[in-house]
């Protein structure tokens, strides 16, 4: 028998996600110690690993994957789990392009206004690994590289916009494919005046893939629009992206307004989020998508054991 921490280590699934899959979808039914702590047997481990294979590698929605898990016989589940455990996910594309090479090729494609190359490298990255890993290992570093090249006048605004828009179309595809989750409702967006939305949009995709009911309000959202989006219907958490120092003051205004309206859980993320998180007692999300989603789920389900 395994504790939830041990089950997380064996399956590679974050503890909050294990809890959510149990409570919402009935994927596993752990026994309990006299003190109320969960214990998982080998069958539960198999079911969790199989669930992870369907959701993270095959792109199933969590509810659909759970229905498959519950209706599949033990032998088939074992086979599915064995496939998942035998996969060695590396930060490379299907053609064997290393992550750092993929980043360099994306930046070079932006310099040359070569949208076809950008699309091809993105296709490789997303086909070769999970959405979250592809974003963290390839896309986000490439966006930083493109931004640095723009600051050095190595590419102009048209090239930067072409690359960003090509990436945005790919993210939008994953957002639509994830479908609407049936978990707690969260609102994700940027404060007034902030327009660099790709990080926030990618987070919204990852949150949907984790089963959350995500409302993505996008870039440059006025204060009153934030208040309306969070209030009707009520949201459990607001997630505000803070990309630059110029975004800190308007983001702080949004946080204070939502607090005054009674929203208890507010999270911030992005390169300029740390100072604001500390000053306003907001949850600071980690930079990596998987860690950010796990942190958010932990707050949402803080009352569970």
Protein backbone atom coordinates (compact mmCIF):
# COMPACT_ATOMS: atom_id res chain seq x y z
CA UNK A 1 0.00 0.00 0.00
CA UNK A 2 1.19 3.51 -0.80
CA UNK A 3 0.52 6.93 0.70
CA UNK A 4 -0.65 9.66 -1.66
CA UNK A 5 2.89 11.08 -1.70
CA UNK A 6 4.29 7.68 -2.68
CA UNK A 7 1.55 7.23 -5.28
CA UNK A 8 2.46 10.61 -6.75
CA UNK A 9 6.13 9.59 -6.96
CA UNK A 10 5.33 6.23 -8.60
CA UNK A 11 2.89 7.63 -11.16
CA UNK A 12 4.41 11.05 -11.84
CA UNK A 13 1.04 12.66 -11.14
CA UNK A 14 0.80 15.70 -8.86
CA UNK A 15 -0.96 15.08 -5.54
CA UNK A 16 -3.72 17.65 -6.21
CA UNK A 17 -4.44 15.98 -9.55
CA UNK A 18 -4.74 12.54 -7.91
CA UNK A 19 -7.23 14.00 -5.44
CA UNK A 20 -9.19 15.69 -8.20
CA UNK A 21 -9.37 12.55 -10.34
CA UNK A 22 -10.59 10.56 -7.35
CA UNK A 23 -13.21 13.05 -6.23
CA UNK A 24 -14.57 14.20 -9.58
CA UNK A 25 -14.23 11.12 -11.73
CA UNK A 26 -13.98 8.11 -9.41
CA UNK A 27 -10.83 6.80 -11.10
CA UNK A 28 -9.58 5.31 -7.82
CA UNK A 29 -11.14 4.52 -4.43
CA UNK A 30 -8.27 4.43 -1.92
CA UNK A 31 -8.67 2.93 1.50
CA UNK A 32 -8.15 5.11 4.57
CA UNK A 33 -5.99 4.82 7.66
CA UNK A 34 -7.66 5.31 11.07
CA UNK A 35 -6.46 8.92 10.88
CA UNK A 36 -8.17 9.39 7.52
CA UNK A 37 -5.18 9.37 5.19
CA UNK A 38 -5.44 7.77 1.76
CA UNK A 39 -3.72 4.49 0.88
CA UNK A 40 -3.36 3.19 -2.68
CA UNK A 41 -2.82 -0.42 -3.80
CA UNK A 42 -1.17 -1.65 -7.01
CA UNK A 43 -4.50 -1.65 -8.87
CA UNK A 44 -4.98 2.03 -8.01
CA UNK A 45 -1.47 2.82 -9.25
CA UNK A 46 -2.25 1.06 -12.53
CA UNK A 47 -5.47 3.00 -12.96
CA UNK A 48 -3.77 6.31 -12.27
CA UNK A 49 -0.96 5.62 -14.74
CA UNK A 50 -3.49 4.57 -17.39
CA UNK A 51 -5.49 7.74 -16.75
CA UNK A 52 -2.36 9.81 -17.16
CA UNK A 53 -1.60 8.10 -20.47
CA UNK A 54 -5.04 8.91 -21.87
CA UNK A 55 -5.12 12.52 -20.66
CA UNK A 56 -1.54 13.70 -21.07
CA UNK A 57 -0.27 11.68 -24.01
CA UNK A 58 -3.42 10.86 -25.99
CA UNK A 59 -5.26 14.15 -25.38
CA UNK A 60 -8.48 12.75 -23.90
CA UNK A 61 -10.64 14.98 -21.73
CA UNK A 62 -10.47 13.84 -18.08
CA UNK A 63 -14.14 12.84 -17.88
CA UNK A 64 -13.90 10.76 -21.05
CA UNK A 65 -10.66 9.14 -19.89
CA UNK A 66 -12.21 8.29 -16.53
CA UNK A 67 -15.17 6.62 -18.22
CA UNK A 68 -12.72 4.53 -20.25
CA UNK A 69 -10.76 3.59 -17.13
CA UNK A 70 -13.88 2.55 -15.21
CA UNK A 71 -15.19 0.41 -18.08
CA UNK A 72 -11.92 -1.29 -19.06
CA UNK A 73 -10.97 -4.74 -17.81
CA UNK A 74 -7.86 -5.12 -15.59
CA UNK A 75 -5.75 -6.78 -18.30
CA UNK A 76 -6.28 -3.95 -20.78
CA UNK A 77 -5.64 -1.38 -18.06
CA UNK A 78 -2.37 -3.09 -17.24
CA UNK A 79 -1.35 -2.96 -20.90
CA UNK A 80 -2.22 0.72 -21.14
CA UNK A 81 -0.25 1.49 -18.00
CA UNK A 82 2.73 -0.52 -19.25
CA UNK A 83 2.81 1.54 -22.43
CA UNK A 84 2.78 4.74 -20.39
CA UNK A 85 5.53 3.60 -18.04
CA UNK A 86 7.65 2.47 -20.98
CA UNK A 87 7.62 5.89 -22.63
CA UNK A 88 10.62 8.10 -22.08
CA UNK A 89 9.44 11.62 -22.75
CA UNK A 90 12.33 13.80 -23.81
CA UNK A 91 12.35 17.48 -24.77
CA UNK A 92 12.77 16.75 -28.47
CA UNK A 93 10.52 16.75 -31.51
CA UNK A 94 9.42 13.67 -33.41
CA UNK A 95 12.24 14.18 -35.87
CA UNK A 96 14.84 14.09 -33.07
CA UNK A 97 15.45 17.85 -33.03
CA UNK A 98 16.86 18.76 -29.58
CA UNK A 99 14.99 21.42 -27.63
CA UNK A 100 17.78 24.00 -27.88
CA UNK A 101 17.98 23.46 -31.65
CA UNK A 102 14.20 23.85 -31.93
CA UNK A 103 14.43 27.15 -30.02
CA UNK A 104 17.20 28.39 -32.32
CA UNK A 105 15.23 27.36 -35.42
CA UNK A 106 12.11 29.18 -34.23
CA UNK A 107 14.06 32.39 -33.60
CA UNK A 108 15.80 32.07 -36.97
CA UNK A 109 12.44 31.46 -38.65
CA UNK A 110 11.17 34.69 -37.11
CA UNK A 111 14.23 36.60 -38.36
CA UNK A 112 13.63 35.34 -41.90
CA UNK A 113 9.84 35.77 -41.74
CA UNK A 114 9.66 32.05 -42.55
CA UNK A 115 6.26 31.07 -41.19
CA UNK A 116 6.46 27.61 -42.79
CA UNK A 117 9.57 26.75 -40.76
CA UNK A 118 8.00 28.13 -37.58
CA UNK A 119 4.89 26.00 -38.12
CA UNK A 120 6.98 22.90 -38.84
CA UNK A 121 9.11 23.27 -35.70
CA UNK A 122 6.00 23.86 -33.58
CA UNK A 123 4.35 20.77 -35.06
CA UNK A 124 7.40 18.71 -34.12
CA UNK A 125 7.56 20.08 -30.60
CA UNK A 126 3.89 19.49 -29.82
CA UNK A 127 3.82 16.07 -31.48
CA UNK A 128 6.91 14.90 -29.58
CA UNK A 129 5.74 15.70 -26.04
CA UNK A 130 2.90 16.99 -23.89
CA UNK A 131 1.62 20.53 -24.48
CA UNK A 132 2.97 21.76 -21.14
CA UNK A 133 6.45 20.35 -21.72
CA UNK A 134 6.60 21.69 -25.29
CA UNK A 135 5.70 25.17 -24.07
CA UNK A 136 8.26 25.13 -21.24
CA UNK A 137 11.09 23.48 -23.19
CA UNK A 138 10.69 25.07 -26.62
CA UNK A 139 8.04 27.75 -27.09
CA UNK A 140 8.65 29.98 -24.06
CA UNK A 141 12.45 30.03 -24.58
CA UNK A 142 11.89 30.82 -28.26
CA UNK A 143 9.57 33.71 -27.39
CA UNK A 144 12.22 35.12 -25.07
CA UNK A 145 14.80 34.71 -27.84
CA UNK A 146 12.55 36.49 -30.33
CA UNK A 147 12.02 39.32 -27.85
CA UNK A 148 15.77 39.64 -27.30
CA UNK A 149 16.36 39.69 -31.06
CA UNK A 150 13.75 42.44 -31.45
CA UNK A 151 15.47 44.54 -28.77
CA UNK A 152 18.78 44.12 -30.65
CA UNK A 153 17.07 45.25 -33.89
CA UNK A 154 17.74 41.85 -35.48
CA UNK A 155 14.10 41.59 -36.51
CA UNK A 156 11.31 44.12 -36.92
CA UNK A 157 7.80 44.32 -35.50
CA UNK A 158 6.25 42.53 -38.48
CA UNK A 159 8.50 39.50 -37.98
CA UNK A 160 7.91 39.44 -34.22
CA UNK A 161 4.16 39.68 -34.74
CA UNK A 162 4.14 36.97 -37.42
CA UNK A 163 5.96 34.54 -35.13
CA UNK A 164 3.80 35.39 -32.13
CA UNK A 165 0.58 35.02 -34.10
CA UNK A 166 1.69 31.67 -35.51
CA UNK A 167 2.36 30.45 -31.97
CA UNK A 168 -0.94 31.88 -30.76
CA UNK A 169 -2.85 29.89 -33.38
CA UNK A 170 -1.25 26.70 -32.10
CA UNK A 171 -2.14 27.53 -28.50
CA UNK A 172 -5.71 28.32 -29.54
CA UNK A 173 -5.97 24.89 -31.14
CA UNK A 174 -5.06 23.21 -27.86
CA UNK A 175 -7.45 25.47 -25.93
CA UNK A 176 -10.35 24.41 -28.15
CA UNK A 177 -9.31 20.75 -28.09
CA UNK A 178 -9.24 20.66 -24.28
CA UNK A 179 -12.94 21.48 -24.11
CA UNK A 180 -14.74 23.07 -21.19
CA UNK A 181 -13.81 21.49 -17.88
CA UNK A 182 -16.35 20.75 -15.17
CA UNK A 183 -14.11 21.63 -12.22
CA UNK A 184 -13.98 24.89 -10.26
CA UNK A 185 -14.34 28.04 -12.36
CA UNK A 186 -11.27 30.24 -12.82
CA UNK A 187 -10.84 33.47 -14.78
CA UNK A 188 -7.49 34.03 -16.51
CA UNK A 189 -6.31 37.22 -18.18
CA UNK A 190 -4.09 40.30 -18.19
CA UNK A 191 -4.52 43.70 -16.50
CA UNK A 192 -5.40 46.91 -18.36
CA UNK A 193 -2.76 47.92 -20.89
CA UNK A 194 -0.95 44.57 -20.95
CA UNK A 195 -0.92 42.85 -24.34
CA UNK A 196 1.70 40.08 -24.19
CA UNK A 197 -0.75 37.27 -23.59
CA UNK A 198 0.84 34.04 -24.84
CA UNK A 199 2.01 32.92 -21.40
CA UNK A 200 -1.43 33.51 -19.89
CA UNK A 201 -3.12 31.78 -22.83
CA UNK A 202 -0.87 28.74 -22.44
CA UNK A 203 -1.67 28.62 -18.72
CA UNK A 204 -5.38 28.70 -19.58
CA UNK A 205 -4.85 25.68 -21.85
CA UNK A 206 -3.01 23.76 -19.13
CA UNK A 207 -5.75 24.60 -16.62
CA UNK A 208 -8.42 23.30 -19.00
CA UNK A 209 -6.42 20.14 -19.54
CA UNK A 210 -6.39 19.70 -15.76
CA UNK A 211 -10.21 19.72 -15.74
CA UNK A 212 -10.85 23.27 -14.55
CA UNK A 213 -13.66 25.40 -15.94
CA UNK A 214 -11.53 28.14 -17.50
CA UNK A 215 -12.76 31.53 -18.67
CA UNK A 216 -9.95 33.16 -20.62
CA UNK A 217 -10.60 36.90 -20.90
CA UNK A 218 -7.36 37.71 -22.75
CA UNK A 219 -5.20 40.81 -22.93
CA UNK A 220 -5.79 44.42 -21.82
CA UNK A 221 -8.86 43.73 -19.68
CA UNK A 222 -10.32 46.89 -18.05
CA UNK A 223 -10.79 46.88 -14.29
CA UNK A 224 -14.59 46.88 -14.38
CA UNK A 225 -14.56 44.04 -16.91
CA UNK A 226 -12.42 42.01 -14.50
CA UNK A 227 -14.89 42.63 -11.70
CA UNK A 228 -17.80 41.58 -13.88
CA UNK A 229 -16.09 38.44 -15.21
CA UNK A 230 -15.21 37.23 -11.72
CA UNK A 231 -18.59 38.04 -10.18
CA UNK A 232 -21.13 36.70 -12.67
CA UNK A 233 -21.12 33.76 -12.54
CA UNK A 234 -18.89 33.57 -9.45
CA UNK A 235 -15.29 32.43 -9.94
CA UNK A 236 -13.27 30.39 -7.46
CA UNK A 237 -9.94 31.97 -8.45
CA UNK A 238 -8.74 34.85 -10.60
CA UNK A 239 -5.37 34.38 -12.31
CA UNK A 240 -3.65 37.59 -13.46
CA UNK A 241 -0.56 37.56 -15.68
CA UNK A 242 2.05 40.24 -14.97
CA UNK A 243 4.54 40.30 -17.81
CA UNK A 244 6.45 43.55 -17.27
CA UNK A 245 7.08 46.12 -14.56
CA UNK A 246 4.66 48.46 -16.33
CA UNK A 247 1.92 45.88 -15.67
CA UNK A 248 2.45 45.85 -11.91
CA UNK A 249 0.43 48.94 -10.99
CA UNK A 250 -2.67 48.10 -13.08
CA UNK A 251 -2.45 44.49 -11.90
CA UNK A 252 -2.33 45.69 -8.29
CA UNK A 253 -5.47 47.74 -8.93
CA UNK A 254 -7.23 44.63 -10.24
CA UNK A 255 -6.15 42.55 -7.25
CA UNK A 256 -7.33 45.18 -4.76
CA UNK A 257 -10.66 45.61 -6.51
CA UNK A 258 -11.34 41.87 -6.61
CA UNK A 259 -10.37 41.56 -2.94
CA UNK A 260 -12.77 44.40 -2.09
CA UNK A 261 -15.49 42.54 -3.99
CA UNK A 262 -14.94 39.51 -1.78
CA UNK A 263 -12.82 37.18 -3.92
CA UNK A 264 -10.55 35.32 -1.53
CA UNK A 265 -8.30 33.42 -3.97
CA UNK A 266 -6.20 35.43 -6.41
CA UNK A 267 -3.11 34.11 -8.18
CA UNK A 268 -0.50 35.99 -10.18
CA UNK A 269 2.14 34.71 -12.58
CA UNK A 270 4.68 35.97 -15.07
CA UNK A 271 8.13 37.57 -15.06
CA UNK A 272 7.08 40.61 -12.99
CA UNK A 273 4.74 38.89 -10.53
CA UNK A 274 6.99 38.31 -7.53
CA UNK A 275 6.90 41.78 -5.98
CA UNK A 276 3.15 42.09 -6.39
CA UNK A 277 2.51 38.64 -4.93
CA UNK A 278 4.48 39.53 -1.83
CA UNK A 279 2.93 42.98 -1.40
CA UNK A 280 -0.70 41.93 -1.88
CA UNK A 281 -0.61 38.42 -0.40
CA UNK A 282 -1.56 36.78 -3.70
CA UNK A 283 -0.50 33.27 -4.71
CA UNK A 284 2.58 33.46 -6.92
CA UNK A 285 2.45 30.74 -9.54
CA UNK A 286 5.70 28.98 -10.55
CA UNK A 287 7.05 29.64 -14.03
CA UNK A 288 6.66 26.07 -15.32
CA UNK A 289 3.14 25.13 -16.37
CA UNK A 290 2.87 21.79 -14.58
CA UNK A 291 4.11 23.30 -11.31
CA UNK A 292 1.79 26.31 -11.73
CA UNK A 293 -1.26 24.09 -12.23
CA UNK A 294 -0.31 21.89 -9.27
CA UNK A 295 0.08 25.00 -7.09
CA UNK A 296 -3.30 26.33 -8.16
CA UNK A 297 -5.04 22.99 -7.57
CA UNK A 298 -3.47 22.77 -4.14
CA UNK A 299 -5.06 26.09 -3.19
CA UNK A 300 -8.42 25.17 -4.70
CA UNK A 301 -8.54 21.85 -2.85
CA UNK A 302 -6.76 22.96 0.30
CA UNK A 303 -9.51 21.48 2.43
CA UNK A 304 -8.91 17.91 1.16
CA UNK A 305 -6.49 15.44 2.66
